[in-house]
């Protein structure tokens, strides 16, 4: 079965060229030129991944990204002409899994799409379900429950949580976590891990200011609590 991608860009020529290339790469492509069209397509087509332009008419790509995150677990790659590191961090903080600046290589885009899809779809044969305190992590379904209620995580947040929870008490540096959840993408932006940790704590901790699950080890990195 073909993997469905949703491409969102108001530059029609670039959209058509990208769609044609990715179709030749074996993907099923759905296109949208506005944020509202993108959200409608996401609901009806259920794409595995969304390639999302930052600068859209009306509803911005950042707002679309936030809405997508509230709707479910989509892989999201942001495309933009913005090149500042702060812009990249903003995009990652609101839930994007990867970030590319325009103009971009279609070959590189295809490679990054496959990288994000591997993170989303990859399953470990060693661990199927983990119970940590009132959290239940069901790897076969990429699902996290807290007291039986599902918590919606981004693919990066999920991978980060699984990495830490698999080894309670073990301290991971930011670079180790970045390599684990992002593979080779963005390893020069180790501090983006702090943003993902902050977002993750808001979702799983009873009191994010005094975390029980994901603990900071000052000067070293993070660990998952081992006394739950």
N, C-alpha and C. Protein backbone atom coordinates (compact mmCIF):
# COMPACT_ATOMS: atom_id res chain seq x y z
N UNK A 1 0.84 -1.19 0.00
CA UNK A 1 0.00 0.00 0.00
C UNK A 1 0.88 1.25 0.00
N UNK A 2 0.53 2.22 -0.86
CA UNK A 2 1.31 3.45 -0.95
C UNK A 2 1.13 4.30 0.31
N UNK A 3 2.21 4.93 0.73
CA UNK A 3 2.15 5.86 1.86
C UNK A 3 1.64 7.21 1.36
N UNK A 4 0.65 7.76 2.05
CA UNK A 4 0.06 9.03 1.64
C UNK A 4 0.79 10.20 2.29
N UNK A 5 1.17 11.18 1.45
CA UNK A 5 1.77 12.42 1.92
C UNK A 5 0.84 13.57 1.57
N UNK A 6 0.74 14.54 2.47
CA UNK A 6 0.00 15.77 2.20
C UNK A 6 1.01 16.90 2.00
N UNK A 7 1.00 17.52 0.83
CA UNK A 7 1.89 18.64 0.52
C UNK A 7 1.09 19.93 0.60
N UNK A 8 1.59 20.89 1.36
CA UNK A 8 0.87 22.15 1.56
C UNK A 8 1.79 23.31 1.20
N UNK A 9 1.45 24.03 0.13
CA UNK A 9 2.27 25.16 -0.33
C UNK A 9 1.42 26.01 -1.26
N UNK A 10 1.50 27.34 -1.12
CA UNK A 10 0.71 28.22 -2.00
C UNK A 10 1.46 28.57 -3.28
N UNK A 11 2.73 28.11 -3.39
CA UNK A 11 3.47 28.29 -4.63
C UNK A 11 3.17 27.09 -5.53
N UNK A 12 2.23 27.29 -6.45
CA UNK A 12 1.68 26.17 -7.21
C UNK A 12 2.73 25.43 -8.03
N UNK A 13 3.63 26.15 -8.68
CA UNK A 13 4.65 25.49 -9.51
C UNK A 13 5.55 24.59 -8.66
N UNK A 14 5.96 25.12 -7.51
CA UNK A 14 6.79 24.31 -6.62
C UNK A 14 6.01 23.11 -6.09
N UNK A 15 4.74 23.34 -5.78
CA UNK A 15 3.89 22.26 -5.29
C UNK A 15 3.77 21.15 -6.32
N UNK A 16 3.53 21.54 -7.57
CA UNK A 16 3.38 20.55 -8.64
C UNK A 16 4.68 19.79 -8.88
N UNK A 17 5.80 20.50 -8.87
CA UNK A 17 7.10 19.85 -9.10
C UNK A 17 7.41 18.86 -7.97
N UNK A 18 7.14 19.27 -6.74
CA UNK A 18 7.39 18.39 -5.59
C UNK A 18 6.49 17.18 -5.63
N UNK A 19 5.21 17.41 -5.95
CA UNK A 19 4.25 16.31 -6.01
C UNK A 19 4.66 15.29 -7.08
N UNK A 20 5.08 15.78 -8.25
CA UNK A 20 5.49 14.89 -9.34
C UNK A 20 6.70 14.05 -8.93
N UNK A 21 7.68 14.70 -8.29
CA UNK A 21 8.89 13.98 -7.89
C UNK A 21 8.57 12.90 -6.86
N UNK A 22 7.77 13.25 -5.86
CA UNK A 22 7.47 12.30 -4.80
C UNK A 22 6.56 11.17 -5.27
N UNK A 23 5.72 11.45 -6.25
CA UNK A 23 4.92 10.38 -6.85
C UNK A 23 5.83 9.37 -7.52
N UNK A 24 6.85 9.87 -8.21
CA UNK A 24 7.82 8.97 -8.86
C UNK A 24 8.64 8.19 -7.84
N UNK A 25 8.69 8.70 -6.61
CA UNK A 25 9.39 8.01 -5.53
C UNK A 25 8.51 6.95 -4.87
N UNK A 26 7.27 6.84 -5.33
CA UNK A 26 6.39 5.79 -4.83
C UNK A 26 5.37 6.20 -3.79
N UNK A 27 5.21 7.51 -3.56
CA UNK A 27 4.25 7.98 -2.58
C UNK A 27 2.92 8.36 -3.24
N UNK A 28 1.85 8.25 -2.49
CA UNK A 28 0.56 8.78 -2.92
C UNK A 28 0.48 10.22 -2.40
N UNK A 29 0.18 11.17 -3.28
CA UNK A 29 0.26 12.58 -2.95
C UNK A 29 -1.12 13.24 -2.92
N UNK A 30 -1.35 14.01 -1.86
CA UNK A 30 -2.53 14.89 -1.76
C UNK A 30 -1.99 16.31 -1.59
N UNK A 31 -2.56 17.27 -2.29
CA UNK A 31 -2.05 18.64 -2.26
C UNK A 31 -3.08 19.61 -1.68
N UNK A 32 -2.56 20.68 -1.06
CA UNK A 32 -3.40 21.77 -0.56
C UNK A 32 -2.61 23.06 -0.69
N UNK A 33 -3.30 24.17 -0.93
CA UNK A 33 -2.62 25.46 -1.10
C UNK A 33 -2.92 26.44 0.03
N UNK A 34 -3.83 26.10 0.94
CA UNK A 34 -4.12 26.95 2.09
C UNK A 34 -4.17 26.09 3.35
N UNK A 35 -4.10 26.76 4.50
CA UNK A 35 -4.16 26.05 5.77
C UNK A 35 -5.47 25.31 5.97
N UNK A 36 -6.57 25.94 5.62
CA UNK A 36 -7.88 25.31 5.80
C UNK A 36 -8.03 24.09 4.91
N UNK A 37 -7.54 24.20 3.66
CA UNK A 37 -7.56 23.03 2.77
C UNK A 37 -6.72 21.90 3.36
N UNK A 38 -5.60 22.26 3.96
CA UNK A 38 -4.71 21.26 4.54
C UNK A 38 -5.39 20.51 5.68
N UNK A 39 -6.07 21.23 6.56
CA UNK A 39 -6.73 20.59 7.70
C UNK A 39 -7.86 19.68 7.24
N UNK A 40 -8.60 20.14 6.23
CA UNK A 40 -9.67 19.31 5.68
C UNK A 40 -9.11 18.03 5.07
N UNK A 41 -8.02 18.17 4.30
CA UNK A 41 -7.39 17.01 3.66
C UNK A 41 -6.82 16.05 4.71
N UNK A 42 -6.27 16.60 5.79
CA UNK A 42 -5.71 15.75 6.83
C UNK A 42 -6.80 14.90 7.48
N UNK A 43 -7.97 15.49 7.67
CA UNK A 43 -9.08 14.75 8.29
C UNK A 43 -9.61 13.66 7.38
N UNK A 44 -9.68 13.94 6.08
CA UNK A 44 -10.30 12.99 5.15
C UNK A 44 -9.32 11.96 4.60
N UNK A 45 -8.07 12.37 4.38
CA UNK A 45 -7.09 11.50 3.74
C UNK A 45 -6.19 10.76 4.72
N UNK A 46 -6.07 11.25 5.96
CA UNK A 46 -5.24 10.65 6.99
C UNK A 46 -3.83 10.35 6.49
N UNK A 47 -3.09 11.37 6.06
CA UNK A 47 -1.73 11.15 5.55
C UNK A 47 -0.80 10.69 6.67
N UNK A 48 0.23 9.96 6.29
CA UNK A 48 1.25 9.56 7.26
C UNK A 48 2.14 10.73 7.62
N UNK A 49 2.32 11.65 6.65
CA UNK A 49 3.24 12.77 6.86
C UNK A 49 2.75 13.98 6.08
N UNK A 50 2.98 15.17 6.64
CA UNK A 50 2.60 16.43 6.01
C UNK A 50 3.85 17.25 5.76
N UNK A 51 4.05 17.66 4.51
CA UNK A 51 5.12 18.59 4.16
C UNK A 51 4.46 19.96 4.10
N UNK A 52 4.81 20.82 5.04
CA UNK A 52 4.02 22.03 5.32
C UNK A 52 4.84 23.31 5.17
N UNK A 53 4.39 24.19 4.27
CA UNK A 53 5.04 25.48 4.10
C UNK A 53 4.69 26.40 5.27
N UNK A 54 5.68 27.15 5.75
CA UNK A 54 5.47 28.07 6.87
C UNK A 54 4.58 29.24 6.45
N UNK A 55 4.90 29.84 5.30
CA UNK A 55 4.21 31.07 4.86
C UNK A 55 3.02 30.72 3.96
N UNK A 56 1.84 30.70 4.54
CA UNK A 56 0.62 30.41 3.80
C UNK A 56 -0.34 31.59 3.91
N UNK A 57 -1.19 31.81 2.93
CA UNK A 57 -2.17 32.89 3.02
C UNK A 57 -3.22 32.58 4.07
N UNK A 58 -3.60 33.59 4.84
CA UNK A 58 -4.62 33.38 5.86
C UNK A 58 -4.05 32.68 7.08
N UNK A 59 -4.26 31.42 7.18
CA UNK A 59 -3.79 30.62 8.30
C UNK A 59 -2.35 30.19 8.06
N UNK A 60 -1.45 30.57 8.96
CA UNK A 60 -0.03 30.28 8.76
C UNK A 60 0.27 28.80 8.95
N UNK A 61 1.44 28.40 8.43
CA UNK A 61 1.87 27.03 8.60
C UNK A 61 2.05 26.65 10.05
N UNK A 62 2.48 27.60 10.90
CA UNK A 62 2.63 27.31 12.32
C UNK A 62 1.28 26.99 12.95
N UNK A 63 0.26 27.76 12.59
CA UNK A 63 -1.09 27.50 13.12
C UNK A 63 -1.61 26.15 12.63
N UNK A 64 -1.33 25.84 11.38
CA UNK A 64 -1.74 24.54 10.83
C UNK A 64 -1.05 23.41 11.59
N UNK A 65 0.25 23.59 11.88
CA UNK A 65 1.01 22.59 12.60
C UNK A 65 0.39 22.34 13.98
N UNK A 66 0.03 23.41 14.67
CA UNK A 66 -0.60 23.26 15.99
C UNK A 66 -1.90 22.48 15.89
N UNK A 67 -2.71 22.81 14.88
CA UNK A 67 -3.99 22.13 14.71
C UNK A 67 -3.78 20.65 14.38
N UNK A 68 -2.80 20.36 13.52
CA UNK A 68 -2.52 18.97 13.18
C UNK A 68 -2.12 18.17 14.41
N UNK A 69 -1.34 18.78 15.28
CA UNK A 69 -0.90 18.09 16.49
C UNK A 69 -2.08 17.79 17.42
N UNK A 70 -3.08 18.65 17.42
CA UNK A 70 -4.25 18.41 18.26
C UNK A 70 -5.17 17.34 17.66
N UNK A 71 -5.01 17.07 16.37
CA UNK A 71 -5.86 16.12 15.66
C UNK A 71 -5.33 14.69 15.70
N UNK A 72 -4.02 14.52 15.87
CA UNK A 72 -3.47 13.18 15.85
C UNK A 72 -1.98 13.18 15.60
N UNK A 73 -1.43 12.01 15.37
CA UNK A 73 0.02 11.85 15.20
C UNK A 73 0.39 11.81 13.72
N UNK A 74 0.72 12.96 13.18
CA UNK A 74 1.20 13.06 11.81
C UNK A 74 2.68 13.38 11.85
N UNK A 75 3.45 12.83 10.92
CA UNK A 75 4.79 13.33 10.73
C UNK A 75 4.67 14.69 10.05
N UNK A 76 5.49 15.66 10.46
CA UNK A 76 5.41 17.02 9.89
C UNK A 76 6.81 17.52 9.57
N UNK A 77 7.01 17.92 8.32
CA UNK A 77 8.24 18.59 7.91
C UNK A 77 7.87 20.00 7.48
N UNK A 78 8.46 20.99 8.14
CA UNK A 78 8.20 22.39 7.81
C UNK A 78 9.13 22.84 6.70
N UNK A 79 8.59 23.60 5.74
CA UNK A 79 9.37 24.22 4.67
C UNK A 79 9.26 25.73 4.79
N UNK A 80 10.38 26.42 4.71
CA UNK A 80 10.32 27.87 4.83
C UNK A 80 11.57 28.53 4.27
N UNK A 81 11.42 29.82 3.95
CA UNK A 81 12.56 30.61 3.51
C UNK A 81 13.33 31.16 4.70
N UNK A 82 12.77 31.03 5.91
CA UNK A 82 13.43 31.54 7.11
C UNK A 82 14.64 30.67 7.43
N UNK A 83 15.75 31.31 7.74
CA UNK A 83 16.99 30.56 7.96
C UNK A 83 17.56 30.72 9.36
N UNK A 84 16.97 31.60 10.19
CA UNK A 84 17.50 31.81 11.53
C UNK A 84 17.29 30.57 12.40
N UNK A 85 18.25 30.29 13.29
CA UNK A 85 18.14 29.14 14.18
C UNK A 85 16.89 29.25 15.06
N UNK A 86 16.56 30.48 15.50
CA UNK A 86 15.38 30.66 16.35
C UNK A 86 14.11 30.23 15.63
N UNK A 87 14.04 30.48 14.32
CA UNK A 87 12.86 30.07 13.55
C UNK A 87 12.76 28.54 13.49
N UNK A 88 13.90 27.89 13.32
CA UNK A 88 13.90 26.44 13.30
C UNK A 88 13.42 25.88 14.64
N UNK A 89 13.90 26.48 15.72
CA UNK A 89 13.52 26.01 17.04
C UNK A 89 12.03 26.21 17.28
N UNK A 90 11.50 27.37 16.84
CA UNK A 90 10.06 27.61 16.97
C UNK A 90 9.26 26.52 16.28
N UNK A 91 9.66 26.20 15.05
CA UNK A 91 8.97 25.16 14.30
C UNK A 91 9.01 23.82 15.01
N UNK A 92 10.17 23.47 15.57
CA UNK A 92 10.30 22.20 16.27
C UNK A 92 9.52 22.21 17.58
N UNK A 93 9.49 23.36 18.25
CA UNK A 93 8.79 23.46 19.53
C UNK A 93 7.29 23.22 19.39
N UNK A 94 6.70 23.66 18.29
CA UNK A 94 5.26 23.50 18.15
C UNK A 94 4.87 22.14 17.58
N UNK A 95 5.87 21.30 17.29
CA UNK A 95 5.54 19.94 16.92
C UNK A 95 6.06 19.43 15.61
N UNK A 96 6.82 20.24 14.85
CA UNK A 96 7.39 19.74 13.60
C UNK A 96 8.48 18.72 13.91
N UNK A 97 8.59 17.71 13.06
CA UNK A 97 9.59 16.68 13.24
C UNK A 97 10.88 17.00 12.52
N UNK A 98 10.80 17.86 11.53
CA UNK A 98 11.98 18.22 10.75
C UNK A 98 11.71 19.57 10.10
N UNK A 99 12.76 20.17 9.52
CA UNK A 99 12.69 21.54 9.04
C UNK A 99 13.64 21.68 7.86
N UNK A 100 13.14 22.21 6.74
CA UNK A 100 14.01 22.47 5.59
C UNK A 100 13.78 23.88 5.09
N UNK A 101 14.86 24.53 4.67
CA UNK A 101 14.76 25.89 4.14
C UNK A 101 14.68 25.86 2.63
N UNK A 102 13.96 26.83 2.07
CA UNK A 102 13.86 26.98 0.62
C UNK A 102 15.02 27.82 0.10
N UNK A 103 15.49 27.57 -1.11
CA UNK A 103 15.14 26.43 -1.98
C UNK A 103 15.75 25.14 -1.43
N UNK A 104 15.08 24.03 -1.70
CA UNK A 104 15.53 22.76 -1.16
C UNK A 104 15.69 21.74 -2.28
N UNK A 105 16.48 20.74 -1.98
CA UNK A 105 16.70 19.64 -2.92
C UNK A 105 15.55 18.64 -2.79
N UNK A 106 14.92 18.28 -3.91
CA UNK A 106 13.85 17.30 -3.87
C UNK A 106 14.38 15.94 -3.41
N UNK A 107 15.59 15.64 -3.79
CA UNK A 107 16.19 14.37 -3.36
C UNK A 107 16.38 14.35 -1.85
N UNK A 108 16.84 15.48 -1.29
CA UNK A 108 17.02 15.54 0.16
C UNK A 108 15.67 15.49 0.86
N UNK A 109 14.66 16.17 0.31
CA UNK A 109 13.33 16.15 0.90
C UNK A 109 12.82 14.71 0.98
N UNK A 110 12.97 13.96 -0.10
CA UNK A 110 12.53 12.57 -0.11
C UNK A 110 13.25 11.76 0.96
N UNK A 111 14.54 12.01 1.13
CA UNK A 111 15.33 11.30 2.14
C UNK A 111 14.85 11.65 3.54
N UNK A 112 14.55 12.92 3.76
CA UNK A 112 14.08 13.33 5.09
C UNK A 112 12.68 12.79 5.37
N UNK A 113 11.85 12.73 4.35
CA UNK A 113 10.52 12.13 4.52
C UNK A 113 10.65 10.69 4.98
N UNK A 114 11.52 9.95 4.34
CA UNK A 114 11.71 8.54 4.72
C UNK A 114 12.29 8.42 6.12
N UNK A 115 13.17 9.36 6.50
CA UNK A 115 13.74 9.34 7.83
C UNK A 115 12.66 9.54 8.89
N UNK A 116 11.79 10.54 8.68
CA UNK A 116 10.71 10.78 9.64
C UNK A 116 9.73 9.60 9.67
N UNK A 117 9.42 9.05 8.51
CA UNK A 117 8.51 7.91 8.46
C UNK A 117 9.08 6.71 9.21
N UNK A 118 10.40 6.52 9.12
CA UNK A 118 11.01 5.41 9.87
C UNK A 118 10.84 5.61 11.36
N UNK A 119 10.99 6.87 11.82
CA UNK A 119 10.83 7.14 13.24
C UNK A 119 9.40 6.90 13.68
N UNK A 120 8.44 7.24 12.81
CA UNK A 120 7.04 7.08 13.15
C UNK A 120 6.64 5.61 13.13
N UNK A 121 7.07 4.91 12.10
CA UNK A 121 6.58 3.56 11.86
C UNK A 121 7.45 2.47 12.46
N UNK A 122 8.70 2.85 12.86
CA UNK A 122 9.61 1.84 13.38
C UNK A 122 9.09 1.20 14.66
N UNK A 123 9.21 -0.08 14.76
CA UNK A 123 8.75 -0.83 15.92
C UNK A 123 9.93 -1.64 16.48
N UNK A 124 10.06 -1.66 17.77
CA UNK A 124 11.07 -2.50 18.42
C UNK A 124 10.49 -3.87 18.71
N UNK A 125 11.21 -4.94 18.34
CA UNK A 125 10.73 -6.29 18.62
C UNK A 125 10.98 -6.68 20.07
N UNK A 126 11.87 -5.94 20.76
CA UNK A 126 12.23 -6.32 22.11
C UNK A 126 11.19 -5.85 23.13
N UNK A 127 10.60 -4.68 22.91
CA UNK A 127 9.69 -4.10 23.89
C UNK A 127 8.34 -3.85 23.23
N UNK A 128 7.29 -4.47 23.75
CA UNK A 128 5.95 -4.26 23.22
C UNK A 128 5.16 -3.29 24.08
N UNK A 129 5.19 -3.50 25.39
CA UNK A 129 4.45 -2.63 26.32
C UNK A 129 5.31 -2.38 27.54
N UNK A 130 5.35 -1.13 27.99
CA UNK A 130 6.05 -0.77 29.21
C UNK A 130 5.07 -0.07 30.14
N UNK A 131 5.15 -0.39 31.42
CA UNK A 131 4.35 0.30 32.43
C UNK A 131 5.32 1.03 33.35
N UNK A 132 5.15 2.32 33.45
CA UNK A 132 5.99 3.16 34.28
C UNK A 132 5.08 4.05 35.12
N UNK A 133 4.90 3.69 36.40
CA UNK A 133 3.98 4.47 37.22
C UNK A 133 2.58 4.38 36.67
N UNK A 134 1.94 5.53 36.45
CA UNK A 134 0.60 5.52 35.86
C UNK A 134 0.63 5.68 34.35
N UNK A 135 1.83 5.52 33.76
CA UNK A 135 1.97 5.57 32.31
C UNK A 135 2.06 4.16 31.74
N UNK A 136 1.38 3.93 30.64
CA UNK A 136 1.49 2.68 29.89
C UNK A 136 1.90 3.02 28.47
N UNK A 137 3.02 2.48 28.02
CA UNK A 137 3.54 2.76 26.69
C UNK A 137 3.37 1.50 25.84
N UNK A 138 2.49 1.58 24.84
CA UNK A 138 2.20 0.44 23.98
C UNK A 138 2.89 0.67 22.65
N UNK A 139 4.05 0.04 22.49
CA UNK A 139 4.87 0.35 21.32
C UNK A 139 4.25 -0.15 20.02
N UNK A 140 3.55 -1.29 20.08
CA UNK A 140 2.96 -1.84 18.86
C UNK A 140 1.92 -0.91 18.27
N UNK A 141 1.36 -0.02 19.11
CA UNK A 141 0.35 0.94 18.64
C UNK A 141 0.85 2.38 18.66
N UNK A 142 2.13 2.57 19.05
CA UNK A 142 2.68 3.93 19.22
C UNK A 142 1.74 4.75 20.09
N UNK A 143 1.34 4.16 21.22
CA UNK A 143 0.31 4.76 22.06
C UNK A 143 0.81 4.91 23.49
N UNK A 144 0.45 6.03 24.12
CA UNK A 144 0.80 6.28 25.51
C UNK A 144 -0.49 6.58 26.29
N UNK A 145 -0.66 5.88 27.41
CA UNK A 145 -1.83 6.08 28.25
C UNK A 145 -1.39 6.57 29.62
N UNK A 146 -2.15 7.50 30.19
CA UNK A 146 -1.92 7.95 31.57
C UNK A 146 -3.20 7.71 32.35
N UNK A 147 -3.13 6.83 33.32
CA UNK A 147 -4.33 6.40 34.07
C UNK A 147 -5.41 5.90 33.11
N UNK A 148 -4.99 5.24 32.04
CA UNK A 148 -5.94 4.66 31.09
C UNK A 148 -6.40 5.59 29.99
N UNK A 149 -6.11 6.89 30.09
CA UNK A 149 -6.52 7.86 29.07
C UNK A 149 -5.36 8.12 28.12
N UNK A 150 -5.66 8.12 26.82
CA UNK A 150 -4.61 8.30 25.83
C UNK A 150 -4.08 9.72 25.83
N UNK A 151 -2.77 9.85 25.72
CA UNK A 151 -2.09 11.13 25.59
C UNK A 151 -1.58 11.24 24.16
N UNK A 152 -1.90 12.32 23.48
CA UNK A 152 -1.46 12.52 22.11
C UNK A 152 -0.07 13.14 22.11
N UNK A 153 0.90 12.42 21.58
CA UNK A 153 2.27 12.90 21.49
C UNK A 153 2.67 13.05 20.03
N UNK A 154 3.61 13.95 19.78
CA UNK A 154 4.19 14.02 18.45
C UNK A 154 5.10 12.80 18.27
N UNK A 155 5.42 12.42 17.04
CA UNK A 155 6.34 11.29 16.84
C UNK A 155 7.68 11.48 17.56
N UNK A 156 8.19 12.71 17.56
CA UNK A 156 9.47 12.97 18.24
C UNK A 156 9.32 12.84 19.75
N UNK A 157 8.23 13.37 20.31
CA UNK A 157 7.98 13.24 21.75
C UNK A 157 7.84 11.77 22.14
N UNK A 158 7.14 11.02 21.30
CA UNK A 158 6.95 9.59 21.60
C UNK A 158 8.29 8.86 21.60
N UNK A 159 9.10 9.08 20.58
CA UNK A 159 10.40 8.42 20.50
C UNK A 159 11.28 8.82 21.69
N UNK A 160 11.22 10.08 22.07
CA UNK A 160 12.00 10.58 23.20
C UNK A 160 11.57 9.89 24.48
N UNK A 161 10.27 9.79 24.70
CA UNK A 161 9.75 9.14 25.90
C UNK A 161 10.14 7.65 25.92
N UNK A 162 10.02 6.98 24.78
CA UNK A 162 10.37 5.56 24.73
C UNK A 162 11.85 5.35 25.03
N UNK A 163 12.69 6.22 24.51
CA UNK A 163 14.14 6.10 24.74
C UNK A 163 14.46 6.21 26.22
N UNK A 164 13.88 7.20 26.89
CA UNK A 164 14.15 7.41 28.31
C UNK A 164 13.52 6.33 29.18
N UNK A 165 12.24 6.01 28.88
CA UNK A 165 11.51 5.06 29.73
C UNK A 165 12.07 3.65 29.64
N UNK A 166 12.71 3.32 28.53
CA UNK A 166 13.28 1.98 28.37
C UNK A 166 14.44 1.72 29.32
N UNK A 167 15.06 2.80 29.83
CA UNK A 167 16.22 2.65 30.71
C UNK A 167 16.10 3.61 31.90
N UNK A 168 15.18 3.32 32.83
CA UNK A 168 15.00 4.21 34.00
C UNK A 168 16.30 4.38 34.77
N UNK A 169 16.55 5.61 35.20
CA UNK A 169 17.74 5.90 35.99
C UNK A 169 18.99 6.19 35.19
N UNK A 170 19.00 5.82 33.91
CA UNK A 170 20.17 6.06 33.06
C UNK A 170 20.13 7.50 32.54
N UNK A 171 21.25 8.19 32.68
CA UNK A 171 21.33 9.58 32.23
C UNK A 171 21.71 9.63 30.75
N UNK A 172 20.91 10.38 29.97
CA UNK A 172 21.19 10.59 28.55
C UNK A 172 21.58 12.05 28.34
N UNK A 173 22.65 12.27 27.61
CA UNK A 173 23.01 13.65 27.25
C UNK A 173 22.05 14.13 26.17
N UNK A 174 22.02 15.44 25.96
CA UNK A 174 21.16 16.00 24.91
C UNK A 174 21.56 15.44 23.54
N UNK A 175 22.85 15.31 23.31
CA UNK A 175 23.31 14.80 22.02
C UNK A 175 22.88 13.36 21.82
N UNK A 176 22.96 12.54 22.87
CA UNK A 176 22.52 11.16 22.77
C UNK A 176 21.04 11.07 22.44
N UNK A 177 20.24 11.92 23.09
CA UNK A 177 18.81 11.92 22.82
C UNK A 177 18.52 12.42 21.42
N UNK A 178 19.25 13.45 21.00
CA UNK A 178 19.04 13.99 19.66
C UNK A 178 19.33 12.93 18.60
N UNK A 179 20.43 12.20 18.77
CA UNK A 179 20.78 11.15 17.81
C UNK A 179 19.76 10.03 17.83
N UNK A 180 19.21 9.75 19.01
CA UNK A 180 18.25 8.66 19.14
C UNK A 180 16.92 8.99 18.48
N UNK A 181 16.43 10.22 18.68
CA UNK A 181 15.09 10.54 18.19
C UNK A 181 15.09 11.23 16.84
N UNK A 182 16.20 11.87 16.48
CA UNK A 182 16.24 12.63 15.24
C UNK A 182 17.21 12.03 14.23
N UNK A 183 17.83 10.89 14.55
CA UNK A 183 18.85 10.29 13.70
C UNK A 183 19.93 11.34 13.41
N UNK A 184 20.21 11.64 12.14
CA UNK A 184 21.28 12.59 11.84
C UNK A 184 20.78 14.00 11.62
N UNK A 185 19.48 14.21 11.77
CA UNK A 185 18.91 15.52 11.51
C UNK A 185 18.98 16.39 12.76
N UNK A 186 19.50 17.59 12.60
CA UNK A 186 19.51 18.58 13.66
C UNK A 186 20.40 18.24 14.84
N UNK A 187 21.40 17.38 14.65
CA UNK A 187 22.25 17.09 15.79
C UNK A 187 23.09 18.29 16.19
N UNK A 188 23.11 19.33 15.36
CA UNK A 188 23.81 20.56 15.75
C UNK A 188 22.93 21.47 16.58
N UNK A 189 21.69 21.06 16.83
CA UNK A 189 20.76 21.87 17.61
C UNK A 189 20.32 21.09 18.85
N UNK A 190 21.31 20.75 19.69
CA UNK A 190 21.04 19.92 20.86
C UNK A 190 20.01 20.56 21.78
N UNK A 191 19.98 21.87 21.87
CA UNK A 191 19.08 22.54 22.80
C UNK A 191 17.61 22.39 22.40
N UNK A 192 17.35 21.96 21.17
CA UNK A 192 15.95 21.73 20.81
C UNK A 192 15.38 20.58 21.64
N UNK A 193 16.24 19.71 22.16
CA UNK A 193 15.77 18.63 23.03
C UNK A 193 15.08 19.23 24.26
N UNK A 194 15.61 20.35 24.77
CA UNK A 194 14.98 20.99 25.93
C UNK A 194 13.54 21.38 25.63
N UNK A 195 13.29 21.86 24.42
CA UNK A 195 11.93 22.25 24.04
C UNK A 195 11.02 21.03 23.99
N UNK A 196 11.52 19.94 23.39
CA UNK A 196 10.71 18.72 23.33
C UNK A 196 10.45 18.15 24.73
N UNK A 197 11.45 18.20 25.59
CA UNK A 197 11.28 17.74 26.96
C UNK A 197 10.22 18.57 27.68
N UNK A 198 10.28 19.89 27.51
CA UNK A 198 9.30 20.78 28.14
C UNK A 198 7.88 20.45 27.69
N UNK A 199 7.70 20.26 26.38
CA UNK A 199 6.38 19.93 25.85
C UNK A 199 5.90 18.56 26.36
N UNK A 200 6.83 17.61 26.42
CA UNK A 200 6.49 16.27 26.88
C UNK A 200 6.08 16.29 28.35
N UNK A 201 6.81 17.04 29.15
CA UNK A 201 6.46 17.14 30.58
C UNK A 201 5.05 17.70 30.79
N UNK A 202 4.68 18.68 29.97
CA UNK A 202 3.35 19.26 30.10
C UNK A 202 2.26 18.23 29.86
N UNK A 203 2.58 17.22 29.07
CA UNK A 203 1.58 16.21 28.72
C UNK A 203 1.54 15.03 29.67
N UNK A 204 2.69 14.66 30.28
CA UNK A 204 2.70 13.43 31.08
C UNK A 204 2.88 13.67 32.57
N UNK A 205 3.38 14.82 32.97
CA UNK A 205 3.64 15.07 34.38
C UNK A 205 2.43 15.68 35.07
N UNK A 206 2.17 15.27 36.30
CA UNK A 206 1.11 15.90 37.09
C UNK A 206 1.48 17.33 37.42
N UNK A 207 2.76 17.57 37.68
CA UNK A 207 3.27 18.93 37.92
C UNK A 207 4.56 19.09 37.12
N UNK A 208 4.48 19.68 35.91
CA UNK A 208 5.68 19.81 35.07
C UNK A 208 6.82 20.55 35.74
N UNK A 209 6.51 21.42 36.72
CA UNK A 209 7.57 22.17 37.40
C UNK A 209 8.36 21.28 38.35
N UNK A 210 7.73 20.19 38.81
CA UNK A 210 8.40 19.23 39.69
C UNK A 210 8.22 17.85 39.06
N UNK A 211 8.96 17.56 38.00
CA UNK A 211 8.74 16.33 37.24
C UNK A 211 9.10 15.06 38.00
N UNK A 212 8.26 14.05 37.82
CA UNK A 212 8.49 12.74 38.41
C UNK A 212 9.11 11.79 37.40
N UNK A 213 8.63 11.89 36.17
CA UNK A 213 9.07 10.95 35.13
C UNK A 213 10.38 11.38 34.49
N UNK A 214 10.40 12.55 33.89
CA UNK A 214 11.60 12.99 33.17
C UNK A 214 12.33 14.03 34.01
N UNK A 215 13.45 13.62 34.55
CA UNK A 215 14.20 14.43 35.50
C UNK A 215 15.44 15.03 34.85
N UNK A 216 15.73 16.26 35.22
CA UNK A 216 16.93 16.94 34.73
C UNK A 216 18.12 16.57 35.60
N UNK A 217 19.21 16.20 34.98
CA UNK A 217 20.47 15.99 35.69
C UNK A 217 21.38 17.13 35.26
N UNK A 218 21.45 18.15 36.08
CA UNK A 218 22.12 19.39 35.70
C UNK A 218 23.58 19.15 35.31
N UNK A 219 23.92 19.72 34.16
CA UNK A 219 25.27 19.58 33.65
C UNK A 219 25.49 18.33 32.81
N UNK A 220 24.48 17.43 32.78
CA UNK A 220 24.64 16.18 32.04
C UNK A 220 23.52 15.96 31.02
N UNK A 221 22.26 16.01 31.47
CA UNK A 221 21.17 15.75 30.54
C UNK A 221 19.89 15.38 31.26
N UNK A 222 19.29 14.26 30.86
CA UNK A 222 18.00 13.86 31.42
C UNK A 222 17.99 12.36 31.70
N UNK A 223 17.13 11.97 32.66
CA UNK A 223 16.91 10.56 32.94
C UNK A 223 15.43 10.34 33.27
N UNK A 224 15.00 9.11 33.13
CA UNK A 224 13.64 8.73 33.50
C UNK A 224 13.69 8.22 34.94
N UNK A 225 12.76 8.69 35.78
CA UNK A 225 12.75 8.31 37.19
C UNK A 225 12.73 6.80 37.39
N UNK A 226 13.53 6.31 38.33
CA UNK A 226 13.62 4.87 38.54
C UNK A 226 12.98 4.43 39.86
N UNK A 227 12.20 5.34 40.48
CA UNK A 227 11.56 4.99 41.76
C UNK A 227 10.04 5.22 41.67
N UNK A 228 9.46 4.81 40.55
CA UNK A 228 8.03 5.01 40.31
C UNK A 228 7.24 3.82 40.85
